[in-house]
Amino acid sequence: MFETILTIISLIGNYLNCRKQKVCFILWIVCNIGWVCVDLNAGAYSRMLLDVVQIGFSIYGYKNWT
């Protein structure tokens, strides 16, 4: 169930990005933090690294959005 919620949040973030709404980055940050927790619990460390990098990209995108 938690994974389904994270997926929905991510899709909403994608929709908002298409609508050029800066809040999409906040949703992606929250969602990726959730995925880091899921990955840690599953022992999927390479997947967790991907999520950490995506958090970094989302922070960068939020700060540099014009």
Protein backbone atom coordinates (compact mmCIF):
# COMPACT_ATOMS: atom_id res chain seq x y z
CA MET A 1 0.00 0.00 0.00
CA PHE A 2 2.82 2.42 0.88
CA GLU A 3 4.43 1.80 -2.52
CA THR A 4 1.13 2.56 -4.25
CA ILE A 5 0.87 5.89 -2.44
CA LEU A 6 4.45 6.76 -3.41
CA THR A 7 3.71 5.90 -7.03
CA ILE A 8 0.62 8.12 -7.05
CA ILE A 9 2.57 11.02 -5.51
CA SER A 10 5.26 10.60 -8.15
CA LEU A 11 2.70 10.62 -10.96
CA ILE A 12 1.09 13.76 -9.54
CA GLY A 13 4.57 15.32 -9.49
CA ASN A 14 5.01 14.43 -13.16
CA TYR A 15 1.65 15.99 -14.00
CA LEU A 16 2.55 19.16 -12.13
CA ASN A 17 5.88 19.30 -13.94
CA CYS A 18 4.01 19.18 -17.25
CA ARG A 19 1.90 22.06 -15.96
CA LYS A 20 5.13 23.93 -15.07
CA GLN A 21 4.41 23.95 -11.34
CA LYS A 22 7.46 24.22 -9.09
CA VAL A 23 5.75 22.20 -6.34
CA CYS A 24 6.45 19.06 -8.39
CA PHE A 25 9.97 19.03 -6.96
CA ILE A 26 8.66 19.02 -3.39
CA LEU A 27 6.47 16.02 -4.20
CA TRP A 28 9.41 14.21 -5.80
CA ILE A 29 11.62 14.90 -2.78
CA VAL A 30 8.98 13.50 -0.42
CA CYS A 31 8.33 10.55 -2.70
CA ASN A 32 12.01 9.69 -3.11
CA ILE A 33 12.58 9.86 0.64
CA GLY A 34 9.78 7.32 0.94
CA TRP A 35 11.41 5.10 -1.68
CA VAL A 36 14.73 5.30 0.18
CA CYS A 37 12.93 3.85 3.22
CA VAL A 38 11.33 1.10 1.12
CA ASP A 39 14.68 0.25 -0.49
CA LEU A 40 16.50 0.15 2.84
CA ASN A 41 13.87 -2.21 4.21
CA ALA A 42 14.22 -4.45 1.15
CA GLY A 43 18.02 -4.32 1.13
CA ALA A 44 17.99 -2.81 -2.38
CA TYR A 45 21.01 -0.57 -1.86
CA SER A 46 21.73 0.21 -5.51
CA ARG A 47 18.10 1.27 -5.96
CA MET A 48 18.41 3.34 -2.80
CA LEU A 49 21.43 5.12 -4.29
CA LEU A 50 19.33 5.99 -7.36
CA ASP A 51 16.66 7.51 -5.12
CA VAL A 52 19.26 9.54 -3.19
CA VAL A 53 20.62 10.93 -6.48
CA GLN A 54 17.08 11.77 -7.58
CA ILE A 55 16.53 13.64 -4.30
CA GLY A 56 19.62 15.67 -5.16
CA PHE A 57 18.29 16.41 -8.65
CA SER A 58 14.93 17.44 -7.20
CA ILE A 59 16.58 19.83 -4.75
CA TYR A 60 18.67 21.25 -7.58
CA GLY A 61 15.59 21.62 -9.76
CA TYR A 62 13.64 23.34 -7.00
CA LYS A 63 16.41 25.84 -6.36
CA ASN A 64 16.99 26.62 -10.04
CA TRP A 65 13.42 26.60 -11.36
CA THR A 66 12.59 29.77 -13.27
